[in-house]
Amino acid sequence: MLSFILANHHDGWGSGPGPWLFFPWLLFIAIAAVAYLVWRRRRPTARGAQEVLAERYARGDITAAEYQERLTVLKEK
């Protein structure tokens, strides 16, 4: 309906392209915004290696000796 009104509305637009000139740009901006938001949402969260190591130790996945050994290695890098 809107496209019919804009296509048949000749008052004030003259013989030029009218608002149709802007629609491709608006469409491009909308698609780029959606793509950015999807990319931003899927990006992995940044967590430090020491934080992951501390979580594994807290869960009991690794022993205290393994924790200290791996923490020493991480701090050397």
N, C-alpha and C. Protein backbone atom coordinates (compact mmCIF):
# COMPACT_ATOMS: atom_id res chain seq x y z
N MET A 1 0.82 -1.18 0.00
CA MET A 1 0.00 0.00 0.00
C MET A 1 0.88 1.25 0.00
N LEU A 2 1.89 1.27 0.86
CA LEU A 2 2.77 2.43 0.93
C LEU A 2 3.52 2.61 -0.39
N SER A 3 3.97 1.52 -0.98
CA SER A 3 4.68 1.64 -2.25
C SER A 3 3.76 2.18 -3.34
N PHE A 4 2.49 1.81 -3.32
CA PHE A 4 1.54 2.31 -4.32
C PHE A 4 1.34 3.81 -4.15
N ILE A 5 1.21 4.25 -2.89
CA ILE A 5 1.01 5.67 -2.63
C ILE A 5 2.24 6.46 -3.05
N LEU A 6 3.42 5.98 -2.68
CA LEU A 6 4.64 6.70 -3.04
C LEU A 6 4.90 6.69 -4.54
N ALA A 7 4.57 5.59 -5.20
CA ALA A 7 4.79 5.50 -6.64
C ALA A 7 3.83 6.39 -7.41
N ASN A 8 2.64 6.61 -6.91
CA ASN A 8 1.64 7.39 -7.62
C ASN A 8 1.50 8.81 -7.08
N HIS A 9 2.30 9.17 -6.13
CA HIS A 9 2.23 10.52 -5.56
C HIS A 9 3.19 11.42 -6.34
N HIS A 10 2.64 12.37 -7.06
CA HIS A 10 3.48 13.23 -7.90
C HIS A 10 3.56 14.65 -7.39
N ASP A 11 2.79 15.00 -6.39
CA ASP A 11 2.81 16.36 -5.88
C ASP A 11 4.04 16.57 -4.99
N GLY A 12 4.87 17.48 -5.36
CA GLY A 12 6.03 17.83 -4.55
C GLY A 12 7.28 17.02 -4.84
N TRP A 13 7.17 15.90 -5.53
CA TRP A 13 8.34 15.11 -5.81
C TRP A 13 8.94 15.43 -7.18
N GLY A 14 8.20 16.09 -8.01
CA GLY A 14 8.70 16.41 -9.34
C GLY A 14 8.82 15.15 -10.18
N SER A 15 9.74 15.18 -11.13
CA SER A 15 9.90 14.02 -12.00
C SER A 15 11.10 13.17 -11.59
N GLY A 16 11.75 13.50 -10.48
CA GLY A 16 12.92 12.75 -10.03
C GLY A 16 12.54 11.45 -9.35
N PRO A 17 13.53 10.77 -8.81
CA PRO A 17 13.28 9.47 -8.20
C PRO A 17 12.52 9.55 -6.88
N GLY A 18 12.46 10.73 -6.28
CA GLY A 18 11.72 10.89 -5.04
C GLY A 18 12.36 10.09 -3.92
N PRO A 19 11.52 9.55 -3.03
CA PRO A 19 12.07 8.83 -1.88
C PRO A 19 12.70 7.50 -2.25
N TRP A 20 12.45 7.00 -3.45
CA TRP A 20 13.01 5.71 -3.86
C TRP A 20 14.54 5.76 -3.91
N LEU A 21 15.09 6.93 -4.04
CA LEU A 21 16.54 7.08 -4.06
C LEU A 21 17.16 6.64 -2.72
N PHE A 22 16.43 6.82 -1.63
CA PHE A 22 16.96 6.53 -0.30
C PHE A 22 16.69 5.11 0.17
N PHE A 23 15.74 4.42 -0.41
CA PHE A 23 15.37 3.10 0.07
C PHE A 23 16.50 2.07 -0.03
N PRO A 24 17.28 2.03 -1.09
CA PRO A 24 18.39 1.06 -1.10
C PRO A 24 19.39 1.31 0.04
N TRP A 25 19.65 2.58 0.34
CA TRP A 25 20.57 2.90 1.42
C TRP A 25 19.99 2.49 2.77
N LEU A 26 18.72 2.77 2.97
CA LEU A 26 18.07 2.38 4.22
C LEU A 26 18.06 0.86 4.38
N LEU A 27 17.82 0.16 3.29
CA LEU A 27 17.83 -1.29 3.34
C LEU A 27 19.23 -1.82 3.67
N PHE A 28 20.24 -1.23 3.07
CA PHE A 28 21.62 -1.63 3.35
C PHE A 28 21.98 -1.39 4.81
N ILE A 29 21.60 -0.24 5.34
CA ILE A 29 21.89 0.08 6.74
C ILE A 29 21.17 -0.88 7.67
N ALA A 30 19.92 -1.21 7.36
CA ALA A 30 19.16 -2.13 8.20
C ALA A 30 19.78 -3.52 8.20
N ILE A 31 20.19 -4.00 7.04
CA ILE A 31 20.81 -5.33 6.94
C ILE A 31 22.15 -5.34 7.67
N ALA A 32 22.93 -4.28 7.52
CA ALA A 32 24.22 -4.20 8.21
C ALA A 32 24.03 -4.16 9.73
N ALA A 33 23.01 -3.45 10.20
CA ALA A 33 22.76 -3.38 11.64
C ALA A 33 22.37 -4.74 12.19
N VAL A 34 21.52 -5.45 11.48
CA VAL A 34 21.10 -6.78 11.92
C VAL A 34 22.30 -7.74 11.92
N ALA A 35 23.11 -7.68 10.87
CA ALA A 35 24.29 -8.55 10.80
C ALA A 35 25.25 -8.25 11.94
N TYR A 36 25.45 -6.99 12.27
CA TYR A 36 26.34 -6.62 13.37
C TYR A 36 25.80 -7.14 14.71
N LEU A 37 24.51 -6.99 14.92
CA LEU A 37 23.93 -7.45 16.18
C LEU A 37 24.02 -8.96 16.32
N VAL A 38 23.82 -9.69 15.24
CA VAL A 38 23.94 -11.14 15.28
C VAL A 38 25.38 -11.54 15.55
N TRP A 39 26.32 -10.88 14.87
CA TRP A 39 27.74 -11.18 15.07
C TRP A 39 28.16 -10.89 16.51
N ARG A 40 27.70 -9.77 17.02
CA ARG A 40 28.06 -9.37 18.37
C ARG A 40 27.51 -10.34 19.41
N ARG A 41 26.35 -10.87 19.17
CA ARG A 41 25.72 -11.80 20.12
C ARG A 41 26.41 -13.16 20.10
N ARG A 42 26.91 -13.59 18.96
CA ARG A 42 27.54 -14.90 18.85
C ARG A 42 29.01 -14.91 19.22
N ARG A 43 29.58 -13.74 19.39
CA ARG A 43 30.99 -13.64 19.73
C ARG A 43 31.23 -14.25 21.11
N PRO A 44 32.26 -15.07 21.27
CA PRO A 44 32.50 -15.68 22.57
C PRO A 44 32.89 -14.63 23.61
N THR A 45 32.50 -14.87 24.81
CA THR A 45 32.84 -13.92 25.87
C THR A 45 34.31 -14.06 26.22
N ALA A 46 34.91 -12.97 26.55
CA ALA A 46 36.34 -12.97 26.89
C ALA A 46 36.50 -13.33 28.36
N ARG A 47 37.14 -14.47 28.58
CA ARG A 47 37.45 -14.89 29.95
C ARG A 47 38.92 -15.21 30.01
N GLY A 48 39.52 -14.83 31.09
CA GLY A 48 40.94 -15.08 31.25
C GLY A 48 41.22 -16.54 31.55
N ALA A 49 42.39 -16.97 31.19
CA ALA A 49 42.80 -18.35 31.42
C ALA A 49 42.88 -18.65 32.92
N GLN A 50 43.28 -17.66 33.70
CA GLN A 50 43.36 -17.87 35.15
C GLN A 50 41.98 -18.06 35.76
N GLU A 51 40.99 -17.35 35.22
CA GLU A 51 39.62 -17.50 35.71
C GLU A 51 39.09 -18.91 35.41
N VAL A 52 39.35 -19.40 34.21
CA VAL A 52 38.91 -20.74 33.83
C VAL A 52 39.61 -21.78 34.71
N LEU A 53 40.89 -21.57 34.95
CA LEU A 53 41.64 -22.50 35.80
C LEU A 53 41.09 -22.50 37.22
N ALA A 54 40.77 -21.33 37.75
CA ALA A 54 40.21 -21.25 39.10
C ALA A 54 38.85 -21.94 39.18
N GLU A 55 38.04 -21.81 38.14
CA GLU A 55 36.74 -22.50 38.11
C GLU A 55 36.91 -24.01 38.10
N ARG A 56 37.87 -24.50 37.32
CA ARG A 56 38.12 -25.94 37.27
C ARG A 56 38.58 -26.46 38.63
N TYR A 57 39.41 -25.69 39.31
CA TYR A 57 39.87 -26.08 40.64
C TYR A 57 38.71 -26.08 41.63
N ALA A 58 37.86 -25.06 41.54
CA ALA A 58 36.72 -24.96 42.45
C ALA A 58 35.73 -26.11 42.24
N ARG A 59 35.59 -26.57 41.01
CA ARG A 59 34.69 -27.69 40.73
C ARG A 59 35.29 -29.02 41.13
N GLY A 60 36.59 -29.05 41.35
CA GLY A 60 37.25 -30.29 41.72
C GLY A 60 37.76 -31.07 40.52
N ASP A 61 37.82 -30.44 39.37
CA ASP A 61 38.32 -31.11 38.16
C ASP A 61 39.83 -31.35 38.24
N ILE A 62 40.54 -30.46 38.94
CA ILE A 62 41.99 -30.60 39.06
C ILE A 62 42.37 -30.49 40.54
N THR A 63 43.51 -31.05 40.88
CA THR A 63 43.98 -31.00 42.27
C THR A 63 44.69 -29.69 42.54
N ALA A 64 45.02 -29.47 43.82
CA ALA A 64 45.71 -28.24 44.21
C ALA A 64 47.10 -28.17 43.56
N ALA A 65 47.76 -29.31 43.47
CA ALA A 65 49.10 -29.33 42.86
C ALA A 65 49.02 -28.99 41.37
N GLU A 66 48.01 -29.56 40.69
CA GLU A 66 47.84 -29.25 39.26
C GLU A 66 47.49 -27.78 39.07
N TYR A 67 46.66 -27.27 39.98
CA TYR A 67 46.28 -25.85 39.90
C TYR A 67 47.51 -24.95 40.03
N GLN A 68 48.33 -25.20 41.03
CA GLN A 68 49.53 -24.39 41.25
C GLN A 68 50.50 -24.50 40.08
N GLU A 69 50.66 -25.71 39.56
CA GLU A 69 51.57 -25.92 38.43
C GLU A 69 51.10 -25.15 37.19
N ARG A 70 49.84 -25.27 36.89
CA ARG A 70 49.30 -24.59 35.70
C ARG A 70 49.25 -23.08 35.88
N LEU A 71 48.99 -22.63 37.10
CA LEU A 71 48.98 -21.20 37.38
C LEU A 71 50.37 -20.62 37.21
N THR A 72 51.40 -21.35 37.64
CA THR A 72 52.78 -20.91 37.46
C THR A 72 53.12 -20.79 35.98
N VAL A 73 52.69 -21.76 35.20
CA VAL A 73 52.94 -21.72 33.76
C VAL A 73 52.24 -20.52 33.13
N LEU A 74 51.01 -20.25 33.53
CA LEU A 74 50.27 -19.12 32.97
C LEU A 74 50.93 -17.78 33.32
N LYS A 75 51.44 -17.67 34.53
CA LYS A 75 52.06 -16.42 34.96
C LYS A 75 53.40 -16.18 34.29
N GLU A 76 54.07 -17.26 33.83
CA GLU A 76 55.35 -17.12 33.13
C GLU A 76 55.16 -16.55 31.73
N LYS A 77 54.02 -16.77 31.14
CA LYS A 77 53.80 -16.32 29.75
C LYS A 77 53.49 -14.87 29.65
